[in-house]
Amino acid sequence: MAAAVEAAVTELVPLVGTRAACAALGRARATHYRHHRIGPAPAPRPRVEPRPQDWFVSALPAERARELWSPQRLLAHAYAGAGRCRATPRAIGRPAALRRERR
């Protein structure tokens, strides 16, 4: 099937152009151009390791980071705030859509 489509595209391209030939036969133009490329295929791009962001606290020891981000500390901080506090243990476990207050 692919060989027949290839032959038909090759025959139609000089008559109607690549765009119309590919559209008429349902073949992607990228596929056509990829198969008729002149020259070597592009070299694969080297994988670049992501660098840590400047704001990321990677210099902290793991135990200090666990202490800072512990759920107990975060809840205590949330309850210590003035006014209404939405960070209840029950609300933290629910998705954001369910946390919205109903009036």
Protein backbone atom coordinates (compact mmCIF):
# COMPACT_ATOMS: atom_id res chain seq x y z
CA MET A 1 0.00 0.00 0.00
CA ALA A 2 2.78 2.42 0.95
CA ALA A 3 4.62 1.64 -2.28
CA ALA A 4 1.50 2.40 -4.32
CA VAL A 5 0.99 5.73 -2.53
CA GLU A 6 4.67 6.56 -3.03
CA ALA A 7 4.42 5.81 -6.75
CA ALA A 8 1.25 7.87 -7.10
CA VAL A 9 2.76 10.84 -5.24
CA THR A 10 5.90 10.67 -7.37
CA GLU A 11 3.77 10.68 -10.51
CA LEU A 12 1.48 13.53 -9.38
CA VAL A 13 4.11 15.90 -7.93
CA PRO A 14 5.38 17.21 -11.32
CA LEU A 15 1.80 17.76 -12.50
CA VAL A 16 0.04 19.40 -9.53
CA GLY A 17 2.76 20.04 -6.95
CA THR A 18 3.70 18.39 -3.70
CA ARG A 19 0.99 20.00 -1.61
CA ALA A 20 -1.90 19.01 -3.87
CA ALA A 21 -0.52 15.51 -4.53
CA CYS A 22 -0.14 14.76 -0.83
CA ALA A 23 -3.58 16.20 -0.04
CA ALA A 24 -5.22 14.15 -2.80
CA LEU A 25 -3.66 10.90 -1.59
CA GLY A 26 -3.94 11.58 2.15
CA ARG A 27 -0.22 11.54 2.76
CA ALA A 28 1.49 13.97 5.09
CA ARG A 29 3.84 16.37 3.31
CA ALA A 30 6.39 15.90 6.09
CA THR A 31 6.52 12.19 5.28
CA HIS A 32 7.03 12.97 1.60
CA TYR A 33 9.81 15.43 2.27
CA ARG A 34 11.44 13.11 4.82
CA HIS A 35 11.55 10.27 2.28
CA HIS A 36 12.92 12.55 -0.45
CA ARG A 37 15.53 14.31 1.66
CA ILE A 38 18.78 15.17 -0.07
CA GLY A 39 21.67 14.74 2.30
CA PRO A 40 22.19 12.95 5.60
CA ALA A 41 19.60 12.75 8.32
CA PRO A 42 20.02 15.32 11.09
CA ALA A 43 22.25 14.26 13.95
CA PRO A 44 20.47 13.44 17.21
CA ARG A 45 20.58 16.26 19.72
CA PRO A 46 22.62 15.56 22.84
CA ARG A 47 20.62 15.20 26.05
CA VAL A 48 21.09 18.17 28.32
CA GLU A 49 20.72 17.54 32.01
CA PRO A 50 18.37 20.05 33.64
CA ARG A 51 20.12 22.47 35.94
CA PRO A 52 18.63 23.21 39.35
CA GLN A 53 16.94 26.57 39.63
CA ASP A 54 18.63 29.34 41.61
CA TRP A 55 15.77 29.49 44.08
CA PHE A 56 15.91 25.75 44.75
CA VAL A 57 17.37 25.04 48.15
CA SER A 58 19.69 22.20 47.31
CA ALA A 59 22.37 23.24 49.80
CA LEU A 60 20.16 22.31 52.76
CA PRO A 61 20.81 18.97 54.36
CA ALA A 62 18.06 16.46 53.68
CA GLU A 63 16.99 16.28 57.32
CA ARG A 64 16.61 20.08 57.53
CA ALA A 65 14.56 20.11 54.33
CA ARG A 66 12.30 17.36 55.70
CA GLU A 67 11.88 19.38 58.88
CA LEU A 68 11.01 22.57 56.99
CA TRP A 69 8.49 20.86 54.72
CA SER A 70 6.91 18.55 57.27
CA PRO A 71 3.09 18.52 57.26
CA GLN A 72 2.96 19.25 60.99
CA ARG A 73 5.06 22.39 60.60
CA LEU A 74 3.04 23.59 57.61
CA LEU A 75 -0.26 23.03 59.42
CA ALA A 76 1.01 24.79 62.52
CA HIS A 77 2.08 27.72 60.37
CA ALA A 78 -1.31 27.79 58.64
CA TYR A 79 -3.23 27.73 61.94
CA ALA A 80 -1.03 30.46 63.38
CA GLY A 81 -2.14 32.91 60.66
CA ALA A 82 -4.72 35.52 61.53
CA GLY A 83 -8.24 35.44 60.11
CA ARG A 84 -9.88 32.58 58.31
CA CYS A 85 -7.67 29.61 57.67
CA ARG A 86 -8.55 27.24 54.85
CA ALA A 87 -5.58 24.94 55.41
CA THR A 88 -7.33 22.42 57.61
CA PRO A 89 -6.11 18.83 57.57
CA ARG A 90 -9.33 17.83 55.84
CA ALA A 91 -9.04 20.53 53.16
CA ILE A 92 -5.41 19.71 52.35
CA GLY A 93 -6.35 16.20 51.29
CA ARG A 94 -9.08 17.36 48.88
CA PRO A 95 -8.68 18.66 45.32
CA ALA A 96 -8.80 22.42 44.80
CA ALA A 97 -12.25 22.29 43.19
CA LEU A 98 -13.72 20.76 46.33
CA ARG A 99 -11.98 23.23 48.64
CA ARG A 100 -13.93 26.21 47.33
CA GLU A 101 -16.36 27.55 49.85
CA ARG A 102 -20.03 27.32 49.06
CA ARG A 103 -22.09 30.39 49.79
